[in-house]
Amino acid sequence: MDSHSASLIALSLAWIAYGALHSMLAAQGAKRWLAARLPRLMPAYRLFYNVFAGVALLPILWLLWRDSGPWLWRWYGAMAWVLNGLALLATGLLLVGPGFYDLSEFLGLRQLRERRVLPEDQEPFRIAPLHRYVRHP
């Protein structure tokens, strides 16, 4: 096996592990398990989850940087303008998206401040405009 294939396998396994752990920790079962055993840690759970999710991405980003391979595709001419424009639009949506959330609740700061021990999220469900099209705006 060449080094490029080994790098792709390592990167794939890293993404699979990240996704599995991310989903497992976000599940109600994990929250209920912790709330039943260590309720004093529950107010910090969401904040810890978000910090962990960000830190856990660092090894994956390092793998991407270390083993950057050849471009899969590259656009030139008019198509580059169109696709770069779409990327700019996506960046704008990324900046607008958090405005539809209670960021204090989303980040876990409110839970910590109010010392919430319930494993269920307290923010009511609502469909923001961008949620009509994608799961995470």
C-alpha atoms as a PDB file:
ATOM      1  CA  MET A   1       0.000   0.000   0.000  1.00  0.00           C
ATOM      2  CA  ASP A   2       1.390   3.398  -0.928  1.00  0.00           C
ATOM      3  CA  SER A   3       1.528   6.332   1.508  1.00  0.00           C
ATOM      4  CA  HIS A   4      -1.314   8.215  -0.218  1.00  0.00           C
ATOM      5  CA  SER A   5      -3.692   5.255   0.217  1.00  0.00           C
ATOM      6  CA  ALA A   6      -2.612   4.839   3.833  1.00  0.00           C
ATOM      7  CA  SER A   7      -3.270   8.551   4.424  1.00  0.00           C
ATOM      8  CA  LEU A   8      -6.758   8.294   2.910  1.00  0.00           C
ATOM      9  CA  ILE A   9      -7.552   5.279   5.079  1.00  0.00           C
ATOM     10  CA  ALA A  10      -6.292   7.068   8.210  1.00  0.00           C
ATOM     11  CA  LEU A  11      -8.321  10.156   7.342  1.00  0.00           C
ATOM     12  CA  SER A  12     -11.439   8.093   6.655  1.00  0.00           C
ATOM     13  CA  LEU A  13     -11.091   6.233   9.950  1.00  0.00           C
ATOM     14  CA  ALA A  14     -10.538   9.506  11.792  1.00  0.00           C
ATOM     15  CA  TRP A  15     -13.746  10.979  10.317  1.00  0.00           C
ATOM     16  CA  ILE A  16     -15.707   7.803  11.145  1.00  0.00           C
ATOM     17  CA  ALA A  17     -14.419   7.817  14.732  1.00  0.00           C
ATOM     18  CA  TYR A  18     -15.169  11.531  15.094  1.00  0.00           C
ATOM     19  CA  GLY A  19     -18.709  11.143  13.740  1.00  0.00           C
ATOM     20  CA  ALA A  20     -19.447   8.124  15.913  1.00  0.00           C
ATOM     21  CA  LEU A  21     -18.134   9.747  19.091  1.00  0.00           C
ATOM     22  CA  HIS A  22     -19.822  13.066  18.274  1.00  0.00           C
ATOM     23  CA  SER A  23     -23.184  11.335  17.761  1.00  0.00           C
ATOM     24  CA  MET A  24     -22.788   9.089  20.797  1.00  0.00           C
ATOM     25  CA  LEU A  25     -22.050  12.029  23.106  1.00  0.00           C
ATOM     26  CA  ALA A  26     -24.970  14.031  21.656  1.00  0.00           C
ATOM     27  CA  ALA A  27     -27.446  11.189  22.278  1.00  0.00           C
ATOM     28  CA  GLN A  28     -29.929  11.466  25.119  1.00  0.00           C
ATOM     29  CA  GLY A  29     -28.717   8.111  26.452  1.00  0.00           C
ATOM     30  CA  ALA A  30     -25.226   9.470  27.146  1.00  0.00           C
ATOM     31  CA  LYS A  31     -26.673  12.565  28.814  1.00  0.00           C
ATOM     32  CA  ARG A  32     -29.045  10.509  30.957  1.00  0.00           C
ATOM     33  CA  TRP A  33     -26.229   8.138  31.902  1.00  0.00           C
ATOM     34  CA  LEU A  34     -24.093  11.026  33.154  1.00  0.00           C
ATOM     35  CA  ALA A  35     -27.043  12.765  34.849  1.00  0.00           C
ATOM     36  CA  ALA A  36     -27.852   9.579  36.790  1.00  0.00           C
ATOM     37  CA  ARG A  37     -24.263   9.008  37.925  1.00  0.00           C
ATOM     38  CA  LEU A  38     -22.708  12.474  38.181  1.00  0.00           C
ATOM     39  CA  PRO A  39     -25.512  15.064  38.202  1.00  0.00           C
ATOM     40  CA  ARG A  40     -23.170  17.840  39.379  1.00  0.00           C
ATOM     41  CA  LEU A  41     -21.361  17.616  36.008  1.00  0.00           C
ATOM     42  CA  MET A  42     -24.522  18.054  33.915  1.00  0.00           C
ATOM     43  CA  PRO A  43     -24.542  21.875  33.894  1.00  0.00           C
ATOM     44  CA  ALA A  44     -21.171  21.787  32.082  1.00  0.00           C
ATOM     45  CA  TYR A  45     -22.058  18.926  29.703  1.00  0.00           C
ATOM     46  CA  ARG A  46     -23.064  20.997  26.670  1.00  0.00           C
ATOM     47  CA  LEU A  47     -20.105  23.342  27.033  1.00  0.00           C
ATOM     48  CA  PHE A  48     -17.738  20.373  27.409  1.00  0.00           C
ATOM     49  CA  TYR A  49     -19.373  18.703  24.391  1.00  0.00           C
ATOM     50  CA  ASN A  50     -18.765  21.767  22.206  1.00  0.00           C
ATOM     51  CA  VAL A  51     -15.176  22.210  23.368  1.00  0.00           C
ATOM     52  CA  PHE A  52     -14.504  18.506  22.864  1.00  0.00           C
ATOM     53  CA  ALA A  53     -16.043  18.604  19.365  1.00  0.00           C
ATOM     54  CA  GLY A  54     -13.755  21.472  18.394  1.00  0.00           C
ATOM     55  CA  VAL A  55     -10.605  19.981  19.903  1.00  0.00           C
ATOM     56  CA  ALA A  56     -11.348  16.549  18.420  1.00  0.00           C
ATOM     57  CA  LEU A  57     -11.299  18.120  14.945  1.00  0.00           C
ATOM     58  CA  LEU A  58      -7.692  19.214  15.343  1.00  0.00           C
ATOM     59  CA  PRO A  59      -6.122  15.795  14.599  1.00  0.00           C
ATOM     60  CA  ILE A  60      -8.289  15.486  11.490  1.00  0.00           C
ATOM     61  CA  LEU A  61      -7.271  18.945  10.305  1.00  0.00           C
ATOM     62  CA  TRP A  62      -3.657  18.035  10.992  1.00  0.00           C
ATOM     63  CA  LEU A  63      -4.026  14.871   8.869  1.00  0.00           C
ATOM     64  CA  LEU A  64      -5.528  16.960   6.064  1.00  0.00           C
ATOM     65  CA  TRP A  65      -2.680  19.453   6.262  1.00  0.00           C
ATOM     66  CA  ARG A  66       0.093  16.869   6.632  1.00  0.00           C
ATOM     67  CA  ASP A  67      -1.047  14.588   3.840  1.00  0.00           C
ATOM     68  CA  SER A  68      -2.593  16.995   1.385  1.00  0.00           C
ATOM     69  CA  GLY A  69      -2.737  15.132  -1.877  1.00  0.00           C
ATOM     70  CA  PRO A  70      -3.430  16.214  -5.415  1.00  0.00           C
ATOM     71  CA  TRP A  71      -6.490  18.322  -6.197  1.00  0.00           C
ATOM     72  CA  LEU A  72      -9.554  16.255  -7.013  1.00  0.00           C
ATOM     73  CA  TRP A  73     -10.722  19.013  -9.316  1.00  0.00           C
ATOM     74  CA  ARG A  74      -9.877  22.624 -10.020  1.00  0.00           C
ATOM     75  CA  TRP A  75     -12.012  25.152 -11.814  1.00  0.00           C
ATOM     76  CA  TYR A  76     -10.802  27.782 -14.250  1.00  0.00           C
ATOM     77  CA  GLY A  77     -12.408  30.613 -16.155  1.00  0.00           C
ATOM     78  CA  ALA A  78     -16.103  31.431 -15.803  1.00  0.00           C
ATOM     79  CA  MET A  79     -16.802  28.285 -13.785  1.00  0.00           C
ATOM     80  CA  ALA A  80     -14.291  29.434 -11.144  1.00  0.00           C
ATOM     81  CA  TRP A  81     -16.186  32.735 -10.808  1.00  0.00           C
ATOM     82  CA  VAL A  82     -19.514  30.947 -10.389  1.00  0.00           C
ATOM     83  CA  LEU A  83     -18.236  28.422  -7.850  1.00  0.00           C
ATOM     84  CA  ASN A  84     -16.238  30.978  -5.888  1.00  0.00           C
ATOM     85  CA  GLY A  85     -19.392  33.115  -5.784  1.00  0.00           C
ATOM     86  CA  LEU A  86     -21.318  30.149  -4.392  1.00  0.00           C
ATOM     87  CA  ALA A  87     -18.583  29.640  -1.785  1.00  0.00           C
ATOM     88  CA  LEU A  88     -18.908  33.311  -0.816  1.00  0.00           C
ATOM     89  CA  LEU A  89     -22.687  32.893  -0.515  1.00  0.00           C
ATOM     90  CA  ALA A  90     -22.167  29.830   1.693  1.00  0.00           C
ATOM     91  CA  THR A  91     -19.801  31.850   3.893  1.00  0.00           C
ATOM     92  CA  GLY A  92     -22.473  34.528   4.252  1.00  0.00           C
ATOM     93  CA  LEU A  93     -25.048  31.905   5.253  1.00  0.00           C
ATOM     94  CA  LEU A  94     -22.566  30.514   7.772  1.00  0.00           C
ATOM     95  CA  LEU A  95     -22.350  33.960   9.354  1.00  0.00           C
ATOM     96  CA  VAL A  96     -26.133  34.526   9.327  1.00  0.00           C
ATOM     97  CA  GLY A  97     -27.083  31.046  10.616  1.00  0.00           C
ATOM     98  CA  PRO A  98     -26.176  31.501  14.295  1.00  0.00           C
ATOM     99  CA  GLY A  99     -28.574  34.446  14.499  1.00  0.00           C
ATOM    100  CA  PHE A 100     -31.471  31.972  14.507  1.00  0.00           C
ATOM    101  CA  TYR A 101     -30.209  30.255  17.663  1.00  0.00           C
ATOM    102  CA  ASP A 102     -29.990  31.188  21.297  1.00  0.00           C
ATOM    103  CA  LEU A 103     -26.189  30.973  21.256  1.00  0.00           C
ATOM    104  CA  SER A 104     -25.925  30.969  25.037  1.00  0.00           C
ATOM    105  CA  GLU A 105     -28.082  27.825  25.094  1.00  0.00           C
ATOM    106  CA  PHE A 106     -26.395  26.293  22.049  1.00  0.00           C
ATOM    107  CA  LEU A 107     -22.894  26.736  23.468  1.00  0.00           C
ATOM    108  CA  GLY A 108     -23.886  25.518  26.950  1.00  0.00           C
ATOM    109  CA  LEU A 109     -23.233  28.769  28.787  1.00  0.00           C
ATOM    110  CA  ARG A 110     -26.840  29.147  29.971  1.00  0.00           C
ATOM    111  CA  GLN A 111     -26.916  25.585  31.322  1.00  0.00           C
ATOM    112  CA  LEU A 112     -23.737  26.257  33.270  1.00  0.00           C
ATOM    113  CA  ARG A 113     -24.931  29.648  34.549  1.00  0.00           C
ATOM    114  CA  GLU A 114     -28.342  28.270  35.630  1.00  0.00           C
ATOM    115  CA  ARG A 115     -26.797  25.033  36.998  1.00  0.00           C
ATOM    116  CA  ARG A 116     -29.186  22.849  34.975  1.00  0.00           C
ATOM    117  CA  VAL A 117     -28.995  19.153  35.768  1.00  0.00           C
ATOM    118  CA  LEU A 118     -31.659  17.928  33.321  1.00  0.00           C
ATOM    119  CA  PRO A 119     -30.196  15.966  30.400  1.00  0.00           C
ATOM    120  CA  GLU A 120     -32.845  17.244  27.955  1.00  0.00           C
ATOM    121  CA  ASP A 121     -32.251  20.470  26.056  1.00  0.00           C
ATOM    122  CA  GLN A 122     -34.468  23.299  27.260  1.00  0.00           C
ATOM    123  CA  GLU A 123     -34.559  25.350  24.084  1.00  0.00           C
ATOM    124  CA  PRO A 124     -37.929  24.873  22.329  1.00  0.00           C
ATOM    125  CA  PHE A 125     -37.893  23.296  18.877  1.00  0.00           C
ATOM    126  CA  ARG A 126     -38.428  25.700  16.011  1.00  0.00           C
ATOM    127  CA  ILE A 127     -37.589  25.578  12.357  1.00  0.00           C
ATOM    128  CA  ALA A 128     -35.368  28.482  11.381  1.00  0.00           C
ATOM    129  CA  PRO A 129     -35.460  29.637   7.742  1.00  0.00           C
ATOM    130  CA  LEU A 130     -32.246  27.803   6.834  1.00  0.00           C
ATOM    131  CA  HIS A 131     -33.443  24.578   8.473  1.00  0.00           C
ATOM    132  CA  ARG A 132     -35.976  24.190   5.698  1.00  0.00           C
ATOM    133  CA  TYR A 133     -33.067  23.219   3.449  1.00  0.00           C
ATOM    134  CA  VAL A 134     -30.263  21.810   5.602  1.00  0.00           C
ATOM    135  CA  ARG A 135     -29.830  20.205   9.037  1.00  0.00           C
ATOM    136  CA  HIS A 136     -27.105  22.533  10.300  1.00  0.00           C
ATOM    137  CA  PRO A 137     -27.235  26.029   8.839  1.00  0.00           C
END
